[in-house]
Amino acid sequence: MQSHEVLLREMESLQQMPDELIRWLADHTAVTSFSRGEVLIEEGTSTRNCYFIISGETDVLFEGRSLGPTGAGQPEGEMAMFFRQPRSATTVANSDTVTVLDLPAAAFDELQRTNPELSNRFQAELLSYLERARGITSSDAQDRARRTTADPDPET
């Protein structure tokens, strides 16, 4: 397999990122694989890792409805990581194997503390990409997260 840095540089979602950030991501990600049907991200949970898909395809579900597939070069889980909110959707492996670069939320949190300028650039560029590519805004994801965690029966 290619180096993490080469894999990251080839990803469409990261094309506008500065070299310093690509190198940082390469140093802080690990290769992980998921099998068909395995859940990468579960709606409503508080996990915050972000995944960059190297190969394979996933299906993104919100309230059980498919929002469509994602594949190589795409991020998954970035909104929960950026905004420290519960997962706004579920992501399921839709290929025999989905291979990702896994960015732990703790590493991103450390980047925010030690290099806020680079952290802000990462967030701004990735959110801009998602809006262009998928029509998803950060407020869309935050609204979904709020709906996911809202108590459907306020009397309970």
Protein backbone atom coordinates (compact mmCIF):
# COMPACT_ATOMS: atom_id res chain seq x y z
CA MET A 1 0.00 0.00 0.00
CA GLN A 2 1.15 3.54 -0.72
CA SER A 3 2.27 5.85 2.06
CA HIS A 4 -0.42 7.72 3.93
CA GLU A 5 0.84 11.00 2.51
CA VAL A 6 0.53 9.78 -1.09
CA LEU A 7 -2.97 8.38 -0.41
CA LEU A 8 -4.10 11.65 1.18
CA ARG A 9 -2.70 13.79 -1.64
CA GLU A 10 -4.72 11.75 -4.15
CA MET A 11 -8.03 12.32 -2.35
CA GLU A 12 -10.39 14.71 -4.09
CA SER A 13 -11.69 16.03 -0.77
CA LEU A 14 -8.19 17.10 0.30
CA GLN A 15 -6.96 18.72 -2.93
CA GLN A 16 -7.08 22.27 -1.51
CA MET A 17 -5.28 21.41 1.73
CA PRO A 18 -1.85 22.85 2.44
CA ASP A 19 1.17 20.50 2.41
CA GLU A 20 1.65 21.02 6.15
CA LEU A 21 -1.82 19.62 6.85
CA ILE A 22 -1.37 16.64 4.52
CA ARG A 23 1.86 15.77 6.32
CA TRP A 24 0.13 16.19 9.68
CA LEU A 25 -2.76 13.92 8.59
CA ALA A 26 -0.28 11.33 7.31
CA ASP A 27 1.39 11.26 10.73
CA HIS A 28 -1.90 10.95 12.63
CA THR A 29 -3.97 8.47 10.62
CA ALA A 30 -4.03 4.68 10.64
CA VAL A 31 -5.32 2.26 8.01
CA THR A 32 -8.48 0.44 9.08
CA SER A 33 -10.78 -1.88 7.11
CA PHE A 34 -14.48 -2.66 7.40
CA SER A 35 -16.37 -5.62 5.87
CA ARG A 36 -19.64 -5.41 3.94
CA GLY A 37 -22.48 -4.52 6.30
CA GLU A 38 -20.19 -3.35 9.08
CA VAL A 39 -21.08 0.03 10.62
CA LEU A 40 -18.34 2.66 10.48
CA ILE A 41 -20.45 5.36 12.11
CA GLU A 42 -23.72 4.99 14.02
CA GLU A 43 -26.25 7.82 14.09
CA GLY A 44 -26.69 9.36 17.52
CA THR A 45 -23.46 8.02 19.04
CA SER A 46 -20.82 10.28 20.54
CA THR A 47 -17.77 8.78 18.77
CA ARG A 48 -15.84 11.42 16.84
CA ASN A 49 -13.18 9.77 14.66
CA CYS A 50 -13.09 10.88 11.04
CA TYR A 51 -12.43 8.47 8.18
CA PHE A 52 -10.98 9.15 4.73
CA ILE A 53 -12.04 6.39 2.35
CA ILE A 54 -9.15 4.83 0.45
CA SER A 55 -11.16 2.15 -1.35
CA GLY A 56 -14.62 0.65 -1.36
CA GLU A 57 -18.05 2.22 -1.06
CA THR A 58 -20.26 3.09 1.88
CA ASP A 59 -23.93 3.95 2.20
CA VAL A 60 -24.91 6.89 4.38
CA LEU A 61 -28.25 6.59 6.18
CA PHE A 62 -30.25 9.19 8.09
CA GLU A 63 -33.21 7.96 10.10
CA GLY A 64 -32.99 4.72 8.10
CA ARG A 65 -33.17 6.48 4.70
CA SER A 66 -30.25 6.30 2.30
CA LEU A 67 -28.60 9.64 1.60
CA GLY A 68 -26.46 7.94 -1.02
CA PRO A 69 -23.09 6.30 -1.41
CA THR A 70 -19.63 7.63 -0.69
CA GLY A 71 -16.40 6.20 -1.93
CA ALA A 72 -12.69 6.65 -2.44
CA GLY A 73 -11.38 10.08 -1.58
CA GLN A 74 -14.38 11.00 0.55
CA PRO A 75 -14.46 11.88 4.27
CA GLU A 76 -16.91 10.34 6.72
CA GLY A 77 -17.55 11.55 10.26
CA GLU A 78 -15.99 14.98 9.94
CA MET A 79 -18.98 16.91 11.32
CA ALA A 80 -19.00 15.12 14.68
CA MET A 81 -15.25 15.61 14.94
CA PHE A 82 -15.38 19.31 14.05
CA PHE A 83 -18.47 20.27 16.06
CA ARG A 84 -18.29 17.82 18.97
CA GLN A 85 -21.85 16.68 18.37
CA PRO A 86 -23.39 13.22 18.15
CA ARG A 87 -23.20 11.44 14.82
CA SER A 88 -25.81 12.86 12.45
CA ALA A 89 -26.05 9.76 10.23
CA THR A 90 -25.03 6.11 9.98
CA THR A 91 -22.36 4.93 7.55
CA VAL A 92 -22.30 1.26 6.53
CA ALA A 93 -19.70 -0.58 4.42
CA ASN A 94 -21.35 -1.34 1.08
CA SER A 95 -18.39 -3.19 -0.52
CA ASP A 96 -16.73 -6.45 0.45
CA THR A 97 -14.02 -4.32 2.02
CA VAL A 98 -13.91 -0.60 2.76
CA THR A 99 -10.42 0.63 3.62
CA VAL A 100 -10.01 3.99 5.33
CA LEU A 101 -7.47 6.24 6.95
CA ASP A 102 -8.77 6.71 10.49
CA LEU A 103 -8.12 10.09 12.12
CA PRO A 104 -8.71 9.91 15.89
CA ALA A 105 -10.69 12.80 17.32
CA ALA A 106 -8.05 13.18 20.05
CA ALA A 107 -5.44 13.98 17.38
CA PHE A 108 -7.71 16.64 15.84
CA ASP A 109 -8.39 18.11 19.30
CA GLU A 110 -4.63 18.35 19.85
CA LEU A 111 -4.22 20.09 16.48
CA GLN A 112 -6.87 22.61 17.54
CA ARG A 113 -4.90 23.32 20.74
CA THR A 114 -1.43 23.47 19.21
CA ASN A 115 -2.08 24.91 15.74
CA PRO A 116 -5.50 26.58 15.60
CA GLU A 117 -4.71 28.26 12.28
CA LEU A 118 -4.04 24.91 10.57
CA SER A 119 -7.03 23.33 12.30
CA ASN A 120 -9.31 26.14 11.11
CA ARG A 121 -7.97 25.83 7.56
CA PHE A 122 -8.61 22.07 7.60
CA GLN A 123 -12.17 22.59 8.80
CA ALA A 124 -12.94 25.43 6.38
CA GLU A 125 -11.52 23.63 3.32
CA LEU A 126 -13.22 20.31 4.09
CA LEU A 127 -16.58 21.98 4.78
CA SER A 128 -16.26 23.97 1.56
CA TYR A 129 -15.54 20.76 -0.36
CA LEU A 130 -18.58 19.01 1.17
CA GLU A 131 -20.86 21.88 0.24
CA ARG A 132 -19.58 21.88 -3.37
CA ALA A 133 -19.52 18.09 -3.78
CA ARG A 134 -22.54 16.96 -1.76
CA GLY A 135 -24.53 20.10 -1.05
CA ILE A 136 -24.04 19.52 2.69
CA THR A 137 -23.52 22.51 4.93
CA SER A 138 -22.31 22.42 8.51
CA SER A 139 -25.71 23.73 9.65
CA ASP A 140 -27.41 20.80 7.83
CA ALA A 141 -25.31 18.32 9.79
CA GLN A 142 -25.81 20.18 13.06
CA ASP A 143 -29.59 20.21 12.49
CA ARG A 144 -29.53 16.44 11.84
CA ALA A 145 -27.48 15.87 14.99
CA ARG A 146 -29.95 17.91 17.06
CA ARG A 147 -32.88 15.93 15.62
CA THR A 148 -31.07 12.66 16.31
CA THR A 149 -30.55 13.46 19.99
CA ALA A 150 -33.82 15.28 20.66
CA ASP A 151 -36.13 13.51 23.10
CA PRO A 152 -39.20 12.56 21.05
CA ASP A 153 -41.34 12.59 24.21
CA PRO A 154 -40.44 15.54 26.44
CA GLU A 155 -42.65 14.12 29.21
CA THR A 156 -40.30 11.16 29.78
